PDB file of all heavy atoms in Angstrom:
ATOM      1  N   HIS A   1     341.852 120.405 -37.658  1.00  0.00           N
ATOM      2  CA  HIS A   1     341.029 121.480 -38.229  1.00  0.00           C
ATOM      3  C   HIS A   1     340.556 122.534 -37.236  1.00  0.00           C
ATOM      4  O   HIS A   1     340.121 123.607 -37.647  1.00  0.00           O
ATOM      5  CB  HIS A   1     339.805 120.874 -38.915  1.00  0.00           C
ATOM      6  CG  HIS A   1     340.133 119.926 -40.019  1.00  0.00           C
ATOM      7  ND1 HIS A   1     340.883 120.294 -41.103  1.00  0.00           N
ATOM      8  CD2 HIS A   1     339.837 118.601 -40.184  1.00  0.00           C
ATOM      9  CE1 HIS A   1     341.025 119.250 -41.909  1.00  0.00           C
ATOM     10  NE2 HIS A   1     340.396 118.221 -41.380  1.00  0.00           N
ATOM     11  N   GLU A   2     340.575 122.241 -35.946  1.00  0.00           N
ATOM     12  CA  GLU A   2     339.936 123.113 -34.962  1.00  0.00           C
ATOM     13  C   GLU A   2     340.895 124.178 -34.426  1.00  0.00           C
ATOM     14  O   GLU A   2     342.116 124.040 -34.488  1.00  0.00           O
ATOM     15  CB  GLU A   2     339.399 122.285 -33.792  1.00  0.00           C
ATOM     16  CG  GLU A   2     338.135 121.517 -34.104  1.00  0.00           C
ATOM     17  CD  GLU A   2     338.310 120.376 -35.081  1.00  0.00           C
ATOM     18  OE1 GLU A   2     339.444 119.863 -35.188  1.00  0.00           O
ATOM     19  OE2 GLU A   2     337.347 120.001 -35.753  1.00  0.00           O
ATOM     20  N   LEU A   3     340.312 125.217 -33.837  1.00  0.00           N
ATOM     21  CA  LEU A   3     341.082 126.151 -33.026  1.00  0.00           C
ATOM     22  C   LEU A   3     340.220 126.610 -31.859  1.00  0.00           C
ATOM     23  O   LEU A   3     338.995 126.454 -31.855  1.00  0.00           O
ATOM     24  CB  LEU A   3     341.598 127.347 -33.839  1.00  0.00           C
ATOM     25  CG  LEU A   3     340.607 128.287 -34.551  1.00  0.00           C
ATOM     26  CD1 LEU A   3     340.030 129.320 -33.581  1.00  0.00           C
ATOM     27  CD2 LEU A   3     341.310 129.004 -35.691  1.00  0.00           C
ATOM     28  N   ARG A   4     340.872 127.157 -30.847  1.00  0.00           N
ATOM     29  CA  ARG A   4     340.147 127.549 -29.642  1.00  0.00           C
ATOM     30  C   ARG A   4     340.592 128.921 -29.166  1.00  0.00           C
ATOM     31  O   ARG A   4     341.791 129.223 -29.057  1.00  0.00           O
ATOM     32  CB  ARG A   4     340.382 126.520 -28.535  1.00  0.00           C
ATOM     33  CG  ARG A   4     339.449 126.676 -27.344  1.00  0.00           C
ATOM     34  CD  ARG A   4     340.070 127.346 -26.151  1.00  0.00           C
ATOM     35  NE  ARG A   4     339.055 127.764 -25.190  1.00  0.00           N
ATOM     36  CZ  ARG A   4     339.321 128.218 -23.987  1.00  0.00           C
ATOM     37  NH1 ARG A   4     340.559 128.333 -23.578  1.00  0.00           N
ATOM     38  NH2 ARG A   4     338.347 128.609 -23.178  1.00  0.00           N
ATOM     39  N   VAL A   5     339.605 129.787 -28.889  1.00  0.00           N
ATOM     40  CA  VAL A   5     339.835 131.097 -28.279  1.00  0.00           C
ATOM     41  C   VAL A   5     339.103 131.117 -26.935  1.00  0.00           C
ATOM     42  O   VAL A   5     338.294 130.236 -26.649  1.00  0.00           O
ATOM     43  CB  VAL A   5     339.338 132.243 -29.189  1.00  0.00           C
ATOM     44  CG1 VAL A   5     340.063 132.231 -30.518  1.00  0.00           C
ATOM     45  CG2 VAL A   5     337.824 132.164 -29.393  1.00  0.00           C
ATOM     46  N   GLU A   6     339.394 132.100 -26.109  1.00  0.00           N
ATOM     47  CA  GLU A   6     338.683 132.284 -24.848  1.00  0.00           C
ATOM     48  C   GLU A   6     337.553 133.261 -25.109  1.00  0.00           C
ATOM     49  O   GLU A   6     337.770 134.457 -25.277  1.00  0.00           O
ATOM     50  CB  GLU A   6     339.621 132.819 -23.765  1.00  0.00           C
ATOM     51  CG  GLU A   6     338.959 133.039 -22.418  1.00  0.00           C
ATOM     52  CD  GLU A   6     338.433 131.747 -21.801  1.00  0.00           C
ATOM     53  OE1 GLU A   6     339.246 130.859 -21.468  1.00  0.00           O
ATOM     54  OE2 GLU A   6     337.193 131.639 -21.669  1.00  0.00           O
ATOM     55  N   SER A   7     336.318 132.758 -25.138  1.00  0.00           N
ATOM     56  CA  SER A   7     335.183 133.574 -25.574  1.00  0.00           C
ATOM     57  C   SER A   7     335.004 134.834 -24.737  1.00  0.00           C
ATOM     58  O   SER A   7     334.646 135.895 -25.265  1.00  0.00           O
ATOM     59  CB  SER A   7     333.907 132.742 -25.543  1.00  0.00           C
ATOM     60  OG  SER A   7     333.965 131.707 -26.491  1.00  0.00           O
ATOM     61  N   ARG A   8     335.216 134.745 -23.445  1.00  0.00           N
ATOM     62  CA  ARG A   8     335.022 135.908 -22.579  1.00  0.00           C
ATOM     63  C   ARG A   8     335.949 137.057 -22.967  1.00  0.00           C
ATOM     64  O   ARG A   8     335.632 138.226 -22.749  1.00  0.00           O
ATOM     65  CB  ARG A   8     335.280 135.526 -21.117  1.00  0.00           C
ATOM     66  CG  ARG A   8     334.371 134.464 -20.579  1.00  0.00           C
ATOM     67  CD  ARG A   8     334.640 134.266 -19.106  1.00  0.00           C
ATOM     68  NE  ARG A   8     334.024 133.035 -18.630  1.00  0.00           N
ATOM     69  CZ  ARG A   8     333.980 132.667 -17.358  1.00  0.00           C
ATOM     70  NH1 ARG A   8     334.499 133.453 -16.437  1.00  0.00           N
ATOM     71  NH2 ARG A   8     333.413 131.533 -16.993  1.00  0.00           N
ATOM     72  N   ASP A   9     337.085 136.718 -23.517  1.00  0.00           N
ATOM     73  CA  ASP A   9     338.043 137.721 -23.972  1.00  0.00           C
ATOM     74  C   ASP A   9     337.860 138.026 -25.447  1.00  0.00           C
ATOM     75  O   ASP A   9     337.948 139.183 -25.878  1.00  0.00           O
ATOM     76  CB  ASP A   9     339.464 137.205 -23.709  1.00  0.00           C
ATOM     77  CG  ASP A   9     340.523 138.115 -24.299  1.00  0.00           C
ATOM     78  OD1 ASP A   9     340.667 139.237 -23.813  1.00  0.00           O
ATOM     79  OD2 ASP A   9     341.193 137.683 -25.259  1.00  0.00           O
ATOM     80  N   ALA A  10     337.567 136.980 -26.246  1.00  0.00           N
ATOM     81  CA  ALA A  10     337.531 137.149 -27.699  1.00  0.00           C
ATOM     82  C   ALA A  10     336.370 138.022 -28.160  1.00  0.00           C
ATOM     83  O   ALA A  10     336.533 138.852 -29.075  1.00  0.00           O
ATOM     84  CB  ALA A  10     337.462 135.772 -28.370  1.00  0.00           C
ATOM     85  N   ILE A  11     335.187 137.857 -27.572  1.00  0.00           N
ATOM     86  CA  ILE A  11     334.035 138.616 -28.029  1.00  0.00           C
ATOM     87  C   ILE A  11     334.207 140.112 -27.764  1.00  0.00           C
ATOM     88  O   ILE A  11     333.977 140.948 -28.666  1.00  0.00           O
ATOM     89  CB  ILE A  11     332.738 138.078 -27.397  1.00  0.00           C
ATOM     90  CG1 ILE A  11     332.473 136.642 -27.884  1.00  0.00           C
ATOM     91  CG2 ILE A  11     331.559 138.975 -27.726  1.00  0.00           C
ATOM     92  CD1 ILE A  11     332.318 136.496 -29.381  1.00  0.00           C
ATOM     93  N   PRO A  12     334.632 140.531 -26.572  1.00  0.00           N
ATOM     94  CA  PRO A  12     334.897 141.987 -26.389  1.00  0.00           C
ATOM     95  C   PRO A  12     335.992 142.513 -27.308  1.00  0.00           C
ATOM     96  O   PRO A  12     335.888 143.649 -27.809  1.00  0.00           O
ATOM     97  CB  PRO A  12     335.309 142.087 -24.923  1.00  0.00           C
ATOM     98  CG  PRO A  12     334.701 140.892 -24.263  1.00  0.00           C
ATOM     99  CD  PRO A  12     334.744 139.808 -25.294  1.00  0.00           C
ATOM    100  N   ARG A  13     337.026 141.720 -27.533  1.00  0.00           N
ATOM    101  CA  ARG A  13     338.107 142.186 -28.410  1.00  0.00           C
ATOM    102  C   ARG A  13     337.636 142.297 -29.864  1.00  0.00           C
ATOM    103  O   ARG A  13     338.001 143.239 -30.576  1.00  0.00           O
ATOM    104  CB  ARG A  13     339.316 141.254 -28.309  1.00  0.00           C
ATOM    105  CG  ARG A  13     340.095 141.410 -27.012  1.00  0.00           C
ATOM    106  CD  ARG A  13     341.306 140.488 -26.972  1.00  0.00           C
ATOM    107  NE  ARG A  13     342.039 140.653 -25.729  1.00  0.00           N
ATOM    108  CZ  ARG A  13     343.022 141.530 -25.544  1.00  0.00           C
ATOM    109  NH1 ARG A  13     343.387 142.323 -26.553  1.00  0.00           N
ATOM    110  NH2 ARG A  13     343.647 141.625 -24.390  1.00  0.00           N
ATOM    111  N   LEU A  14     336.830 141.337 -30.295  1.00  0.00           N
ATOM    112  CA  LEU A  14     336.289 141.401 -31.654  1.00  0.00           C
ATOM    113  C   LEU A  14     335.389 142.626 -31.807  1.00  0.00           C
ATOM    114  O   LEU A  14     335.435 143.325 -32.827  1.00  0.00           O
ATOM    115  CB  LEU A  14     335.525 140.119 -31.967  1.00  0.00           C
ATOM    116  CG  LEU A  14     334.865 140.022 -33.345  1.00  0.00           C
ATOM    117  CD1 LEU A  14     335.895 140.164 -34.460  1.00  0.00           C
ATOM    118  CD2 LEU A  14     334.114 138.696 -33.468  1.00  0.00           C
ATOM    119  N   THR A  15     334.580 142.890 -30.783  1.00  0.00           N
ATOM    120  CA  THR A  15     333.707 144.065 -30.810  1.00  0.00           C
ATOM    121  C   THR A  15     334.532 145.352 -30.912  1.00  0.00           C
ATOM    122  O   THR A  15     334.232 146.235 -31.730  1.00  0.00           O
ATOM    123  CB  THR A  15     332.837 144.098 -29.549  1.00  0.00           C
ATOM    124  OG1 THR A  15     332.052 142.893 -29.474  1.00  0.00           O
ATOM    125  CG2 THR A  15     331.904 145.296 -29.544  1.00  0.00           C
ATOM    126  N   ALA A  16     335.558 145.462 -30.081  1.00  0.00           N
ATOM    127  CA  ALA A  16     336.385 146.674 -30.088  1.00  0.00           C
ATOM    128  C   ALA A  16     337.097 146.836 -31.425  1.00  0.00           C
ATOM    129  O   ALA A  16     337.217 147.960 -31.943  1.00  0.00           O
ATOM    130  CB  ALA A  16     337.398 146.609 -28.945  1.00  0.00           C
ATOM    131  N   TRP A  17     337.558 145.746 -31.995  1.00  0.00           N
ATOM    132  CA  TRP A  17     338.258 145.844 -33.279  1.00  0.00           C
ATOM    133  C   TRP A  17     337.308 146.262 -34.397  1.00  0.00           C
ATOM    134  O   TRP A  17     337.653 147.119 -35.222  1.00  0.00           O
ATOM    135  CB  TRP A  17     338.914 144.506 -33.615  1.00  0.00           C
ATOM    136  CG  TRP A  17     339.631 144.538 -34.931  1.00  0.00           C
ATOM    137  CD1 TRP A  17     340.809 145.168 -35.216  1.00  0.00           C
ATOM    138  CD2 TRP A  17     339.185 143.956 -36.156  1.00  0.00           C
ATOM    139  NE1 TRP A  17     341.139 145.002 -36.550  1.00  0.00           N
ATOM    140  CE2 TRP A  17     340.156 144.248 -37.149  1.00  0.00           C
ATOM    141  CE3 TRP A  17     338.074 143.188 -36.508  1.00  0.00           C
ATOM    142  CZ2 TRP A  17     340.042 143.816 -38.469  1.00  0.00           C
ATOM    143  CZ3 TRP A  17     337.950 142.750 -37.810  1.00  0.00           C
ATOM    144  CH2 TRP A  17     338.918 143.067 -38.779  1.00  0.00           C
ATOM    145  N   LEU A  18     336.108 145.698 -34.409  1.00  0.00           N
ATOM    146  CA  LEU A  18     335.127 146.102 -35.417  1.00  0.00           C
ATOM    147  C   LEU A  18     334.796 147.588 -35.282  1.00  0.00           C
ATOM    148  O   LEU A  18     334.642 148.301 -36.287  1.00  0.00           O
ATOM    149  CB  LEU A  18     333.867 145.251 -35.301  1.00  0.00           C
ATOM    150  CG  LEU A  18     333.974 143.825 -35.823  1.00  0.00           C
ATOM    151  CD1 LEU A  18     332.763 143.001 -35.401  1.00  0.00           C
ATOM    152  CD2 LEU A  18     334.129 143.806 -37.333  1.00  0.00           C
ATOM    153  N   ALA A  19     334.693 148.048 -34.039  1.00  0.00           N
ATOM    154  CA  ALA A  19     334.435 149.481 -33.824  1.00  0.00           C
ATOM    155  C   ALA A  19     335.582 150.328 -34.385  1.00  0.00           C
ATOM    156  O   ALA A  19     335.361 151.388 -34.983  1.00  0.00           O
ATOM    157  CB  ALA A  19     334.233 149.762 -32.339  1.00  0.00           C
ATOM    158  N   SER A  20     336.817 149.857 -34.224  1.00  0.00           N
ATOM    159  CA  SER A  20     337.967 150.594 -34.755  1.00  0.00           C
ATOM    160  C   SER A  20     337.988 150.604 -36.280  1.00  0.00           C
ATOM    161  O   SER A  20     338.631 151.462 -36.892  1.00  0.00           O
ATOM    162  CB  SER A  20     339.267 149.983 -34.224  1.00  0.00           C
ATOM    163  OG  SER A  20     339.585 148.768 -34.892  1.00  0.00           O
ATOM    164  N   GLN A  21     337.267 149.643 -36.889  1.00  0.00           N
ATOM    165  CA  GLN A  21     337.195 149.556 -38.343  1.00  0.00           C
ATOM    166  C   GLN A  21     335.999 150.314 -38.913  1.00  0.00           C
ATOM    167  O   GLN A  21     335.740 150.248 -40.116  1.00  0.00           O
ATOM    168  CB  GLN A  21     337.132 148.090 -38.774  1.00  0.00           C
ATOM    169  CG  GLN A  21     338.305 147.248 -38.321  1.00  0.00           C
ATOM    170  CD  GLN A  21     339.627 147.796 -38.810  1.00  0.00           C
ATOM    171  OE1 GLN A  21     339.863 147.917 -40.013  1.00  0.00           O
ATOM    172  NE2 GLN A  21     340.492 148.163 -37.876  1.00  0.00           N
ATOM    173  N   GLY A  22     335.253 151.006 -38.042  1.00  0.00           N
ATOM    174  CA  GLY A  22     334.183 151.865 -38.521  1.00  0.00           C
ATOM    175  C   GLY A  22     332.774 151.379 -38.239  1.00  0.00           C
ATOM    176  O   GLY A  22     331.811 152.084 -38.560  1.00  0.00           O
ATOM    177  N   VAL A  23     332.623 150.183 -37.643  1.00  0.00           N
ATOM    178  CA  VAL A  23     331.289 149.712 -37.276  1.00  0.00           C
ATOM    179  C   VAL A  23     330.838 150.468 -36.037  1.00  0.00           C
ATOM    180  O   VAL A  23     331.570 150.562 -35.040  1.00  0.00           O
ATOM    181  CB  VAL A  23     331.284 148.195 -37.011  1.00  0.00           C
ATOM    182  CG1 VAL A  23     329.900 147.726 -36.552  1.00  0.00           C
ATOM    183  CG2 VAL A  23     331.716 147.428 -38.261  1.00  0.00           C
ATOM    184  N   GLU A  24     329.629 151.004 -36.052  1.00  0.00           N
ATOM    185  CA  GLU A  24     329.091 151.720 -34.900  1.00  0.00           C
ATOM    186  C   GLU A  24     328.321 150.747 -34.010  1.00  0.00           C
ATOM    187  O   GLU A  24     327.583 149.898 -34.491  1.00  0.00           O
ATOM    188  CB  GLU A  24     328.167 152.848 -35.355  1.00  0.00           C
ATOM    189  CG  GLU A  24     327.613 153.698 -34.200  1.00  0.00           C
ATOM    190  CD  GLU A  24     326.766 154.863 -34.680  1.00  0.00           C
ATOM    191  OE1 GLU A  24     326.879 155.253 -35.861  1.00  0.00           O
ATOM    192  OE2 GLU A  24     325.975 155.384 -33.856  1.00  0.00           O
ATOM    193  N   PHE A  25     328.483 150.889 -32.701  1.00  0.00           N
ATOM    194  CA  PHE A  25     327.765 150.056 -31.739  1.00  0.00           C
ATOM    195  C   PHE A  25     326.941 150.940 -30.813  1.00  0.00           C
ATOM    196  O   PHE A  25     327.420 151.980 -30.360  1.00  0.00           O
ATOM    197  CB  PHE A  25     328.748 149.224 -30.904  1.00  0.00           C
ATOM    198  CG  PHE A  25     329.369 148.082 -31.651  1.00  0.00           C
ATOM    199  CD1 PHE A  25     330.504 148.282 -32.421  1.00  0.00           C
ATOM    200  CD2 PHE A  25     328.823 146.810 -31.593  1.00  0.00           C
ATOM    201  CE1 PHE A  25     331.084 147.248 -33.136  1.00  0.00           C
ATOM    202  CE2 PHE A  25     329.391 145.762 -32.291  1.00  0.00           C
ATOM    203  CZ  PHE A  25     330.516 145.977 -33.077  1.00  0.00           C
ATOM    204  N   ARG A  26     325.729 150.518 -30.572  1.00  0.00           N
ATOM    205  CA  ARG A  26     324.897 151.168 -29.559  1.00  0.00           C
ATOM    206  C   ARG A  26     324.445 150.108 -28.567  1.00  0.00           C
ATOM    207  O   ARG A  26     323.741 149.165 -28.911  1.00  0.00           O
ATOM    208  CB  ARG A  26     323.677 151.815 -30.199  1.00  0.00           C
ATOM    209  CG  ARG A  26     323.972 153.034 -31.043  1.00  0.00           C
ATOM    210  CD  ARG A  26     322.699 153.782 -31.367  1.00  0.00           C
ATOM    211  NE  ARG A  26     322.899 154.765 -32.417  1.00  0.00           N
ATOM    212  CZ  ARG A  26     321.916 155.464 -32.970  1.00  0.00           C
ATOM    213  NH1 ARG A  26     320.655 155.271 -32.561  1.00  0.00           N
ATOM    214  NH2 ARG A  26     322.170 156.329 -33.921  1.00  0.00           N
ATOM    215  N   GLN A  27     324.890 150.273 -27.309  1.00  0.00           N
ATOM    216  CA  GLN A  27     324.508 149.360 -26.251  1.00  0.00           C
ATOM    217  C   GLN A  27     323.341 149.933 -25.454  1.00  0.00           C
ATOM    218  O   GLN A  27     323.036 151.119 -25.541  1.00  0.00           O
ATOM    219  CB  GLN A  27     325.703 149.086 -25.329  1.00  0.00           C
ATOM    220  CG  GLN A  27     326.773 148.199 -25.945  1.00  0.00           C
ATOM    221  CD  GLN A  27     327.796 148.946 -26.762  1.00  0.00           C
ATOM    222  OE1 GLN A  27     327.894 150.168 -26.686  1.00  0.00           O
ATOM    223  NE2 GLN A  27     328.575 148.215 -27.546  1.00  0.00           N
ATOM    224  N   LEU A  28     322.718 149.074 -24.679  1.00  0.00           N
ATOM    225  CA  LEU A  28     321.600 149.441 -23.808  1.00  0.00           C
ATOM    226  C   LEU A  28     320.468 150.091 -24.604  1.00  0.00           C
ATOM    227  O   LEU A  28     319.810 151.022 -24.138  1.00  0.00           O
ATOM    228  CB  LEU A  28     322.078 150.369 -22.682  1.00  0.00           C
ATOM    229  CG  LEU A  28     323.118 149.757 -21.731  1.00  0.00           C
ATOM    230  CD1 LEU A  28     323.620 150.794 -20.744  1.00  0.00           C
ATOM    231  CD2 LEU A  28     322.530 148.564 -20.980  1.00  0.00           C
ATOM    232  N   GLU A  29     320.251 149.592 -25.808  1.00  0.00           N
ATOM    233  CA  GLU A  29     319.191 150.090 -26.679  1.00  0.00           C
ATOM    234  C   GLU A  29     318.460 148.878 -27.261  1.00  0.00           C
ATOM    235  O   GLU A  29     319.044 148.135 -28.053  1.00  0.00           O
ATOM    236  CB  GLU A  29     319.765 150.980 -27.783  1.00  0.00           C
ATOM    237  CG  GLU A  29     318.687 151.640 -28.639  1.00  0.00           C
ATOM    238  CD  GLU A  29     319.254 152.692 -29.581  1.00  0.00           C
ATOM    239  OE1 GLU A  29     320.416 153.117 -29.371  1.00  0.00           O
ATOM    240  OE2 GLU A  29     318.550 153.090 -30.531  1.00  0.00           O
ATOM    241  N   ALA A  30     317.230 148.692 -26.859  1.00  0.00           N
ATOM    242  CA  ALA A  30     316.467 147.532 -27.299  1.00  0.00           C
ATOM    243  C   ALA A  30     315.644 147.872 -28.534  1.00  0.00           C
ATOM    244  O   ALA A  30     315.068 148.957 -28.627  1.00  0.00           O
ATOM    245  CB  ALA A  30     315.545 147.040 -26.187  1.00  0.00           C
ATOM    246  N   VAL A  31     315.595 146.940 -29.467  1.00  0.00           N
ATOM    247  CA  VAL A  31     314.755 147.090 -30.647  1.00  0.00           C
ATOM    248  C   VAL A  31     313.384 146.528 -30.329  1.00  0.00           C
ATOM    249  O   VAL A  31     313.237 145.377 -29.916  1.00  0.00           O
ATOM    250  CB  VAL A  31     315.369 146.367 -31.856  1.00  0.00           C
ATOM    251  CG1 VAL A  31     314.424 146.418 -33.054  1.00  0.00           C
ATOM    252  CG2 VAL A  31     316.719 147.008 -32.210  1.00  0.00           C
TER     253      VAL A  31
END
């Protein structure tokens, strides 16, 4: 049932892909 990704690579790639799909990201901005 399991699968494994490399988190150090997967999280930046997921972020970039979501941005390409129209999600806006703002870094260095604290709520």
